Amino acid sequence: MVYEIPASGVSSALFRYLDTSMGSFDVPLYGKAPAAAAPIAGPVKNAVLEVSAYAVQQVATLGNLSAPGGGMYAVVQMSCTGKSEGSLVQVELG
């Protein structure tokens, strides 16, 4: 996999693999992850995932994209944890 990281505006990137039967794990890809914060909403969960929201920000642009009609984008920082007894991601390595 290849991840393109913008020249500015990104302090860290993380690959999160969700698999509760074998164990979920995080792989830091870039920078240092920020300290854990308290969620502003959640956690909300079902049999597969537990999701929390940590921040919401309104922005007029995302990268090179401007919100249509002078509107704003809502950027939500979220975190999730796998809760299923089986693998959430299956990769065939044939």
PDB file of N, CA and C in Angstrom:
ATOM      1  N   MET A   1       0.836  -1.172   0.000  1.00  0.00           N
ATOM      2  CA  MET A   1       0.000   0.000   0.000  1.00  0.00           C
ATOM      3  C   MET A   1       0.885   1.240   0.000  1.00  0.00           C
ATOM      4  N   VAL A   2       0.394   2.281  -0.615  1.00  0.00           N
ATOM      5  CA  VAL A   2       1.096   3.556  -0.656  1.00  0.00           C
ATOM      6  C   VAL A   2       0.164   4.616  -0.100  1.00  0.00           C
ATOM      7  N   TYR A   3       0.661   5.397   0.852  1.00  0.00           N
ATOM      8  CA  TYR A   3      -0.104   6.489   1.438  1.00  0.00           C
ATOM      9  C   TYR A   3       0.588   7.793   1.104  1.00  0.00           C
ATOM     10  N   GLU A   4      -0.135   8.692   0.459  1.00  0.00           N
ATOM     11  CA  GLU A   4       0.409  10.013   0.147  1.00  0.00           C
ATOM     12  C   GLU A   4       0.112  10.932   1.326  1.00  0.00           C
ATOM     13  N   ILE A   5       1.148  11.596   1.831  1.00  0.00           N
ATOM     14  CA  ILE A   5       1.006  12.504   2.961  1.00  0.00           C
ATOM     15  C   ILE A   5       1.268  13.919   2.464  1.00  0.00           C
ATOM     16  N   PRO A   6       0.319  14.836   2.684  1.00  0.00           N
ATOM     17  CA  PRO A   6       0.522  16.215   2.242  1.00  0.00           C
ATOM     18  C   PRO A   6       1.770  16.834   2.861  1.00  0.00           C
ATOM     19  N   ALA A   7       2.348  17.814   2.184  1.00  0.00           N
ATOM     20  CA  ALA A   7       3.569  18.474   2.663  1.00  0.00           C
ATOM     21  C   ALA A   7       3.331  19.241   3.956  1.00  0.00           C
ATOM     22  N   SER A   8       2.083  19.637   4.223  1.00  0.00           N
ATOM     23  CA  SER A   8       1.789  20.361   5.458  1.00  0.00           C
ATOM     24  C   SER A   8       0.399  19.987   5.949  1.00  0.00           C
ATOM     25  N   GLY A   9       0.149  20.230   7.234  1.00  0.00           N
ATOM     26  CA  GLY A   9      -1.172  20.013   7.805  1.00  0.00           C
ATOM     27  C   GLY A   9      -1.401  18.638   8.411  1.00  0.00           C
ATOM     28  N   VAL A  10      -0.429  17.727   8.274  1.00  0.00           N
ATOM     29  CA  VAL A  10      -0.567  16.391   8.846  1.00  0.00           C
ATOM     30  C   VAL A  10       0.598  16.167   9.801  1.00  0.00           C
ATOM     31  N   SER A  11       0.279  15.886  11.063  1.00  0.00           N
ATOM     32  CA  SER A  11       1.350  15.673  12.040  1.00  0.00           C
ATOM     33  C   SER A  11       1.624  14.190  12.279  1.00  0.00           C
ATOM     34  N   SER A  12       0.637  13.333  11.968  1.00  0.00           N
ATOM     35  CA  SER A  12       0.853  11.898  12.134  1.00  0.00           C
ATOM     36  C   SER A  12      -0.147  11.122  11.283  1.00  0.00           C
ATOM     37  N   ALA A  13       0.213   9.883  10.955  1.00  0.00           N
ATOM     38  CA  ALA A  13      -0.674   8.971  10.230  1.00  0.00           C
ATOM     39  C   ALA A  13      -0.503   7.587  10.836  1.00  0.00           C
ATOM     40  N   LEU A  14      -1.618   6.849  10.915  1.00  0.00           N
ATOM     41  CA  LEU A  14      -1.623   5.561  11.585  1.00  0.00           C
ATOM     42  C   LEU A  14      -2.446   4.583  10.758  1.00  0.00           C
ATOM     43  N   PHE A  15      -1.952   3.364  10.567  1.00  0.00           N
ATOM     44  CA  PHE A  15      -2.717   2.290   9.942  1.00  0.00           C
ATOM     45  C   PHE A  15      -3.285   1.437  11.067  1.00  0.00           C
ATOM     46  N   ARG A  16      -4.609   1.277  11.110  1.00  0.00           N
ATOM     47  CA  ARG A  16      -5.252   0.485  12.160  1.00  0.00           C
ATOM     48  C   ARG A  16      -5.880  -0.746  11.524  1.00  0.00           C
ATOM     49  N   TYR A  17      -5.410  -1.930  11.933  1.00  0.00           N
ATOM     50  CA  TYR A  17      -5.955  -3.208  11.464  1.00  0.00           C
ATOM     51  C   TYR A  17      -6.885  -3.730  12.548  1.00  0.00           C
ATOM     52  N   LEU A  18      -8.138  -3.997  12.184  1.00  0.00           N
ATOM     53  CA  LEU A  18      -9.147  -4.430  13.149  1.00  0.00           C
ATOM     54  C   LEU A  18      -9.388  -5.928  13.010  1.00  0.00           C
ATOM     55  N   ASP A  19      -9.014  -6.699  14.018  1.00  0.00           N
ATOM     56  CA  ASP A  19      -9.227  -8.145  14.026  1.00  0.00           C
ATOM     57  C   ASP A  19      -9.236  -8.613  15.474  1.00  0.00           C
ATOM     58  N   THR A  20     -10.441  -8.845  16.011  1.00  0.00           N
ATOM     59  CA  THR A  20     -10.519  -9.200  17.428  1.00  0.00           C
ATOM     60  C   THR A  20     -10.277 -10.682  17.690  1.00  0.00           C
ATOM     61  N   SER A  21     -10.312 -11.512  16.650  1.00  0.00           N
ATOM     62  CA  SER A  21     -10.019 -12.924  16.901  1.00  0.00           C
ATOM     63  C   SER A  21      -8.518 -13.158  17.013  1.00  0.00           C
ATOM     64  N   MET A  22      -7.726 -12.432  16.255  1.00  0.00           N
ATOM     65  CA  MET A  22      -6.273 -12.576  16.289  1.00  0.00           C
ATOM     66  C   MET A  22      -5.594 -11.395  16.985  1.00  0.00           C
ATOM     67  N   GLY A  23      -6.358 -10.328  17.199  1.00  0.00           N
ATOM     68  CA  GLY A  23      -5.804  -9.140  17.859  1.00  0.00           C
ATOM     69  C   GLY A  23      -5.658  -7.980  16.911  1.00  0.00           C
ATOM     70  N   SER A  24      -6.326  -6.885  17.181  1.00  0.00           N
ATOM     71  CA  SER A  24      -6.190  -5.666  16.391  1.00  0.00           C
ATOM     72  C   SER A  24      -4.850  -5.021  16.708  1.00  0.00           C
ATOM     73  N   PHE A  25      -4.332  -4.229  15.756  1.00  0.00           N
ATOM     74  CA  PHE A  25      -3.073  -3.544  16.017  1.00  0.00           C
ATOM     75  C   PHE A  25      -2.990  -2.258  15.219  1.00  0.00           C
ATOM     76  N   ASP A  26      -2.138  -1.355  15.687  1.00  0.00           N
ATOM     77  CA  ASP A  26      -1.870  -0.076  15.027  1.00  0.00           C
ATOM     78  C   ASP A  26      -0.436  -0.061  14.542  1.00  0.00           C
ATOM     79  N   VAL A  27      -0.230   0.501  13.344  1.00  0.00           N
ATOM     80  CA  VAL A  27       1.116   0.672  12.803  1.00  0.00           C
ATOM     81  C   VAL A  27       1.315   2.164  12.533  1.00  0.00           C
ATOM     82  N   PRO A  28       2.176   2.840  13.302  1.00  0.00           N
ATOM     83  CA  PRO A  28       2.451   4.249  13.022  1.00  0.00           C
ATOM     84  C   PRO A  28       3.136   4.369  11.659  1.00  0.00           C
ATOM     85  N   LEU A  29       2.605   5.234  10.790  1.00  0.00           N
ATOM     86  CA  LEU A  29       3.171   5.409   9.460  1.00  0.00           C
ATOM     87  C   LEU A  29       4.017   6.669   9.351  1.00  0.00           C
ATOM     88  N   TYR A  30       3.651   7.684  10.124  1.00  0.00           N
ATOM     89  CA  TYR A  30       4.325   8.978   9.984  1.00  0.00           C
ATOM     90  C   TYR A  30       4.144   9.770  11.267  1.00  0.00           C
ATOM     91  N   GLY A  31       5.199  10.428  11.720  1.00  0.00           N
ATOM     92  CA  GLY A  31       5.116  11.321  12.869  1.00  0.00           C
ATOM     93  C   GLY A  31       4.825  10.590  14.164  1.00  0.00           C
ATOM     94  N   LYS A  32       4.495  11.367  15.169  1.00  0.00           N
ATOM     95  CA  LYS A  32       4.176  10.835  16.494  1.00  0.00           C
ATOM     96  C   LYS A  32       2.703  11.075  16.772  1.00  0.00           C
ATOM     97  N   ALA A  33       2.007  10.022  17.191  1.00  0.00           N
ATOM     98  CA  ALA A  33       0.578  10.136  17.470  1.00  0.00           C
ATOM     99  C   ALA A  33       0.342  11.099  18.628  1.00  0.00           C
ATOM    100  N   PRO A  34      -0.718  11.915  18.553  1.00  0.00           N
ATOM    101  CA  PRO A  34      -1.019  12.825  19.657  1.00  0.00           C
ATOM    102  C   PRO A  34      -1.471  12.050  20.893  1.00  0.00           C
ATOM    103  N   ALA A  35      -1.399  12.684  22.036  1.00  0.00           N
ATOM    104  CA  ALA A  35      -1.835  12.060  23.290  1.00  0.00           C
ATOM    105  C   ALA A  35      -3.328  11.745  23.215  1.00  0.00           C
ATOM    106  N   ALA A  36      -3.741  10.688  23.890  1.00  0.00           N
ATOM    107  CA  ALA A  36      -5.146  10.285  23.885  1.00  0.00           C
ATOM    108  C   ALA A  36      -6.021  11.379  24.488  1.00  0.00           C
ATOM    109  N   ALA A  37      -7.162  11.611  23.861  1.00  0.00           N
ATOM    110  CA  ALA A  37      -8.098  12.632  24.324  1.00  0.00           C
ATOM    111  C   ALA A  37      -9.396  11.961  24.757  1.00  0.00           C
ATOM    112  N   ALA A  38     -10.178  12.674  25.544  1.00  0.00           N
ATOM    113  CA  ALA A  38     -11.493  12.172  25.946  1.00  0.00           C
ATOM    114  C   ALA A  38     -12.475  12.412  24.801  1.00  0.00           C
ATOM    115  N   PRO A  39     -13.350  11.446  24.500  1.00  0.00           N
ATOM    116  CA  PRO A  39     -14.304  11.635  23.402  1.00  0.00           C
ATOM    117  C   PRO A  39     -15.347  12.700  23.737  1.00  0.00           C
ATOM    118  N   ILE A  40     -15.824  13.385  22.687  1.00  0.00           N
ATOM    119  CA  ILE A  40     -16.915  14.352  22.855  1.00  0.00           C
ATOM    120  C   ILE A  40     -18.263  13.690  22.593  1.00  0.00           C
ATOM    121  N   ALA A  41     -18.258  12.507  21.959  1.00  0.00           N
ATOM    122  CA  ALA A  41     -19.474  11.723  21.722  1.00  0.00           C
ATOM    123  C   ALA A  41     -19.091  10.247  21.670  1.00  0.00           C
ATOM    124  N   GLY A  42     -19.933   9.437  22.260  1.00  0.00           N
ATOM    125  CA  GLY A  42     -19.672   7.999  22.244  1.00  0.00           C
ATOM    126  C   GLY A  42     -19.020   7.560  23.530  1.00  0.00           C
ATOM    127  N   PRO A  43     -18.641   6.333  23.598  1.00  0.00           N
ATOM    128  CA  PRO A  43     -18.629   5.402  22.483  1.00  0.00           C
ATOM    129  C   PRO A  43     -20.021   4.847  22.160  1.00  0.00           C
ATOM    130  N   VAL A  44     -20.214   4.547  20.873  1.00  0.00           N
ATOM    131  CA  VAL A  44     -21.400   3.867  20.375  1.00  0.00           C
ATOM    132  C   VAL A  44     -20.905   2.561  19.792  1.00  0.00           C
ATOM    133  N   LYS A  45     -21.587   1.454  20.111  1.00  0.00           N
ATOM    134  CA  LYS A  45     -21.074   0.170  19.631  1.00  0.00           C
ATOM    135  C   LYS A  45     -22.193  -0.756  19.212  1.00  0.00           C
ATOM    136  N   ASN A  46     -21.806  -1.700  18.358  1.00  0.00           N
ATOM    137  CA  ASN A  46     -22.662  -2.816  18.001  1.00  0.00           C
ATOM    138  C   ASN A  46     -21.805  -4.070  18.105  1.00  0.00           C
ATOM    139  N   ALA A  47     -22.202  -5.159  17.487  1.00  0.00           N
ATOM    140  CA  ALA A  47     -21.451  -6.409  17.602  1.00  0.00           C
ATOM    141  C   ALA A  47     -20.113  -6.355  16.866  1.00  0.00           C
ATOM    142  N   VAL A  48     -19.916  -5.368  15.993  1.00  0.00           N
ATOM    143  CA  VAL A  48     -18.718  -5.318  15.157  1.00  0.00           C
ATOM    144  C   VAL A  48     -17.745  -4.221  15.566  1.00  0.00           C
ATOM    145  N   LEU A  49     -18.239  -3.011  15.826  1.00  0.00           N
ATOM    146  CA  LEU A  49     -17.374  -1.863  16.087  1.00  0.00           C
ATOM    147  C   LEU A  49     -17.814  -1.067  17.308  1.00  0.00           C
ATOM    148  N   GLU A  50     -16.845  -0.387  17.922  1.00  0.00           N
ATOM    149  CA  GLU A  50     -17.100   0.634  18.934  1.00  0.00           C
ATOM    150  C   GLU A  50     -16.477   1.923  18.403  1.00  0.00           C
ATOM    151  N   VAL A  51     -17.292   2.974  18.268  1.00  0.00           N
ATOM    152  CA  VAL A  51     -16.853   4.220  17.631  1.00  0.00           C
ATOM    153  C   VAL A  51     -17.069   5.394  18.579  1.00  0.00           C
ATOM    154  N   SER A  52     -16.095   6.295  18.636  1.00  0.00           N
ATOM    155  CA  SER A  52     -16.199   7.535  19.413  1.00  0.00           C
ATOM    156  C   SER A  52     -15.771   8.702  18.536  1.00  0.00           C
ATOM    157  N   ALA A  53     -16.342   9.873  18.789  1.00  0.00           N
ATOM    158  CA  ALA A  53     -15.936  11.105  18.110  1.00  0.00           C
ATOM    159  C   ALA A  53     -15.130  11.952  19.093  1.00  0.00           C
ATOM    160  N   TYR A  54     -14.036  12.532  18.616  1.00  0.00           N
ATOM    161  CA  TYR A  54     -13.136  13.288  19.481  1.00  0.00           C
ATOM    162  C   TYR A  54     -13.067  14.773  19.166  1.00  0.00           C
ATOM    163  N   ALA A  55     -13.402  15.167  17.958  1.00  0.00           N
ATOM    164  CA  ALA A  55     -13.340  16.590  17.594  1.00  0.00           C
ATOM    165  C   ALA A  55     -14.178  16.826  16.345  1.00  0.00           C
ATOM    166  N   VAL A  56     -14.720  18.032  16.226  1.00  0.00           N
ATOM    167  CA  VAL A  56     -15.446  18.460  15.031  1.00  0.00           C
ATOM    168  C   VAL A  56     -14.939  19.843  14.677  1.00  0.00           C
ATOM    169  N   GLN A  57     -14.654  20.032  13.410  1.00  0.00           N
ATOM    170  CA  GLN A  57     -14.143  21.320  12.952  1.00  0.00           C
ATOM    171  C   GLN A  57     -14.816  21.674  11.636  1.00  0.00           C
ATOM    172  N   GLN A  58     -15.199  22.931  11.452  1.00  0.00           N
ATOM    173  CA  GLN A  58     -15.739  23.407  10.179  1.00  0.00           C
ATOM    174  C   GLN A  58     -14.612  24.053   9.391  1.00  0.00           C
ATOM    175  N   VAL A  59     -14.496  23.667   8.125  1.00  0.00           N
ATOM    176  CA  VAL A  59     -13.469  24.238   7.256  1.00  0.00           C
ATOM    177  C   VAL A  59     -14.076  24.548   5.896  1.00  0.00           C
ATOM    178  N   ALA A  60     -13.582  25.578   5.251  1.00  0.00           N
ATOM    179  CA  ALA A  60     -14.075  25.964   3.927  1.00  0.00           C
ATOM    180  C   ALA A  60     -13.412  25.151   2.825  1.00  0.00           C
ATOM    181  N   THR A  61     -12.201  24.637   3.096  1.00  0.00           N
ATOM    182  CA  THR A  61     -11.486  23.853   2.088  1.00  0.00           C
ATOM    183  C   THR A  61     -10.903  22.592   2.710  1.00  0.00           C
ATOM    184  N   LEU A  62     -10.811  21.567   1.892  1.00  0.00           N
ATOM    185  CA  LEU A  62     -10.128  20.324   2.235  1.00  0.00           C
ATOM    186  C   LEU A  62      -9.100  20.082   1.143  1.00  0.00           C
ATOM    187  N   GLY A  63      -7.835  20.268   1.479  1.00  0.00           N
ATOM    188  CA  GLY A  63      -6.806  20.166   0.444  1.00  0.00           C
ATOM    189  C   GLY A  63      -7.046  21.211  -0.612  1.00  0.00           C
ATOM    190  N   ASN A  64      -7.228  20.775  -1.860  1.00  0.00           N
ATOM    191  CA  ASN A  64      -7.486  21.698  -2.975  1.00  0.00           C
ATOM    192  C   ASN A  64      -8.975  21.865  -3.264  1.00  0.00           C
ATOM    193  N   LEU A  65      -9.837  21.262  -2.464  1.00  0.00           N
ATOM    194  CA  LEU A  65     -11.285  21.325  -2.697  1.00  0.00           C
ATOM    195  C   LEU A  65     -11.927  22.396  -1.829  1.00  0.00           C
ATOM    196  N   SER A  66     -12.737  23.237  -2.460  1.00  0.00           N
ATOM    197  CA  SER A  66     -13.515  24.242  -1.729  1.00  0.00           C
ATOM    198  C   SER A  66     -14.941  23.744  -1.588  1.00  0.00           C
ATOM    199  N   ALA A  67     -15.556  24.024  -0.454  1.00  0.00           N
ATOM    200  CA  ALA A  67     -16.943  23.616  -0.235  1.00  0.00           C
ATOM    201  C   ALA A  67     -17.829  24.321  -1.259  1.00  0.00           C
ATOM    202  N   PRO A  68     -18.773  23.591  -1.870  1.00  0.00           N
ATOM    203  CA  PRO A  68     -19.630  24.198  -2.900  1.00  0.00           C
ATOM    204  C   PRO A  68     -20.539  25.289  -2.331  1.00  0.00           C
ATOM    205  N   GLY A  69     -20.814  26.275  -3.150  1.00  0.00           N
ATOM    206  CA  GLY A  69     -21.750  27.338  -2.788  1.00  0.00           C
ATOM    207  C   GLY A  69     -21.349  28.162  -1.590  1.00  0.00           C
ATOM    208  N   GLY A  70     -20.040  28.251  -1.324  1.00  0.00           N
ATOM    209  CA  GLY A  70     -19.583  29.019  -0.173  1.00  0.00           C
ATOM    210  C   GLY A  70     -19.865  28.339   1.156  1.00  0.00           C
ATOM    211  N   GLY A  71     -20.226  27.061   1.117  1.00  0.00           N
ATOM    212  CA  GLY A  71     -20.534  26.312   2.335  1.00  0.00           C
ATOM    213  C   GLY A  71     -19.283  25.902   3.092  1.00  0.00           C
ATOM    214  N   MET A  72     -19.471  25.026   4.044  1.00  0.00           N
ATOM    215  CA  MET A  72     -18.377  24.539   4.886  1.00  0.00           C
ATOM    216  C   MET A  72     -18.408  23.019   4.915  1.00  0.00           C
ATOM    217  N   TYR A  73     -17.238  22.432   5.107  1.00  0.00           N
ATOM    218  CA  TYR A  73     -17.135  20.995   5.356  1.00  0.00           C
ATOM    219  C   TYR A  73     -17.067  20.783   6.867  1.00  0.00           C
ATOM    220  N   ALA A  74     -17.632  19.679   7.332  1.00  0.00           N
ATOM    221  CA  ALA A  74     -17.479  19.275   8.731  1.00  0.00           C
ATOM    222  C   ALA A  74     -16.437  18.161   8.761  1.00  0.00           C
ATOM    223  N   VAL A  75     -15.362  18.374   9.494  1.00  0.00           N
ATOM    224  CA  VAL A  75     -14.306  17.377   9.647  1.00  0.00           C
ATOM    225  C   VAL A  75     -14.462  16.775  11.041  1.00  0.00           C
ATOM    226  N   VAL A  76     -14.679  15.467  11.108  1.00  0.00           N
ATOM    227  CA  VAL A  76     -14.902  14.779  12.373  1.00  0.00           C
ATOM    228  C   VAL A  76     -13.748  13.828  12.631  1.00  0.00           C
ATOM    229  N   GLN A  77     -13.103  13.979  13.771  1.00  0.00           N
ATOM    230  CA  GLN A  77     -12.040  13.062  14.180  1.00  0.00           C
ATOM    231  C   GLN A  77     -12.681  11.934  14.955  1.00  0.00           C
ATOM    232  N   MET A  78     -12.497  10.691  14.447  1.00  0.00           N
ATOM    233  CA  MET A  78     -13.140   9.535  15.056  1.00  0.00           C
ATOM    234  C   MET A  78     -12.115   8.444  15.347  1.00  0.00           C
ATOM    235  N   SER A  79     -12.493   7.553  16.239  1.00  0.00           N
ATOM    236  CA  SER A  79     -11.674   6.394  16.556  1.00  0.00           C
ATOM    237  C   SER A  79     -12.591   5.189  16.637  1.00  0.00           C
ATOM    238  N   CYS A  80     -12.085   4.028  16.232  1.00  0.00           N
ATOM    239  CA  CYS A  80     -12.907   2.831  16.320  1.00  0.00           C
ATOM    240  C   CYS A  80     -12.080   1.640  16.799  1.00  0.00           C
ATOM    241  N   THR A  81     -12.770   0.697  17.415  1.00  0.00           N
ATOM    242  CA  THR A  81     -12.163  -0.527  17.911  1.00  0.00           C
ATOM    243  C   THR A  81     -13.014  -1.696  17.439  1.00  0.00           C
ATOM    244  N   GLY A  82     -12.382  -2.746  16.911  1.00  0.00           N
ATOM    245  CA  GLY A  82     -13.102  -3.924  16.457  1.00  0.00           C
ATOM    246  C   GLY A  82     -13.650  -4.718  17.631  1.00  0.00           C
ATOM    247  N   LYS A  83     -14.903  -5.177  17.525  1.00  0.00           N
ATOM    248  CA  LYS A  83     -15.554  -5.917  18.602  1.00  0.00           C
ATOM    249  C   LYS A  83     -16.051  -7.291  18.172  1.00  0.00           C
ATOM    250  N   SER A  84     -15.902  -7.669  16.902  1.00  0.00           N
ATOM    251  CA  SER A  84     -16.441  -8.951  16.461  1.00  0.00           C
ATOM    252  C   SER A  84     -15.549 -10.098  16.904  1.00  0.00           C
ATOM    253  N   GLU A  85     -16.136 -11.286  16.976  1.00  0.00           N
ATOM    254  CA  GLU A  85     -15.357 -12.454  17.358  1.00  0.00           C
ATOM    255  C   GLU A  85     -14.526 -12.972  16.196  1.00  0.00           C
ATOM    256  N   GLY A  86     -14.878 -12.596  14.968  1.00  0.00           N
ATOM    257  CA  GLY A  86     -14.131 -13.023  13.790  1.00  0.00           C
ATOM    258  C   GLY A  86     -13.385 -11.870  13.169  1.00  0.00           C
ATOM    259  N   SER A  87     -12.636 -12.158  12.145  1.00  0.00           N
ATOM    260  CA  SER A  87     -11.852 -11.136  11.467  1.00  0.00           C
ATOM    261  C   SER A  87     -12.763 -10.164  10.728  1.00  0.00           C
ATOM    262  N   LEU A  88     -12.508  -8.879  10.863  1.00  0.00           N
ATOM    263  CA  LEU A  88     -13.260  -7.869  10.123  1.00  0.00           C
ATOM    264  C   LEU A  88     -12.688  -7.681   8.729  1.00  0.00           C
ATOM    265  N   VAL A  89     -11.450  -8.061   8.533  1.00  0.00           N
ATOM    266  CA  VAL A  89     -10.762  -7.898   7.250  1.00  0.00           C
ATOM    267  C   VAL A  89     -10.153  -9.243   6.876  1.00  0.00           C
ATOM    268  N   GLN A  90     -10.486  -9.734   5.680  1.00  0.00           N
ATOM    269  CA  GLN A  90      -9.886 -10.969   5.216  1.00  0.00           C
ATOM    270  C   GLN A  90      -9.024 -10.669   4.004  1.00  0.00           C
ATOM    271  N   VAL A  91      -7.787 -11.091   4.044  1.00  0.00           N
ATOM    272  CA  VAL A  91      -6.859 -10.869   2.943  1.00  0.00           C
ATOM    273  C   VAL A  91      -6.371 -12.219   2.450  1.00  0.00           C
ATOM    274  N   GLU A  92      -6.653 -12.556   1.203  1.00  0.00           N
ATOM    275  CA  GLU A  92      -6.188 -13.801   0.607  1.00  0.00           C
ATOM    276  C   GLU A  92      -4.813 -13.565   0.007  1.00  0.00           C
ATOM    277  N   LEU A  93      -3.823 -14.286   0.501  1.00  0.00           N
ATOM    278  CA  LEU A  93      -2.448 -14.123   0.026  1.00  0.00           C
ATOM    279  C   LEU A  93      -2.058 -15.291  -0.885  1.00  0.00           C
ATOM    280  N   GLY A  94      -2.875 -15.567  -1.894  1.00  0.00           N
ATOM    281  CA  GLY A  94      -2.588 -16.683  -2.803  1.00  0.00           C
ATOM    282  C   GLY A  94      -1.622 -16.251  -3.812  1.00  0.00           C
TER     283      GLY A  94
END
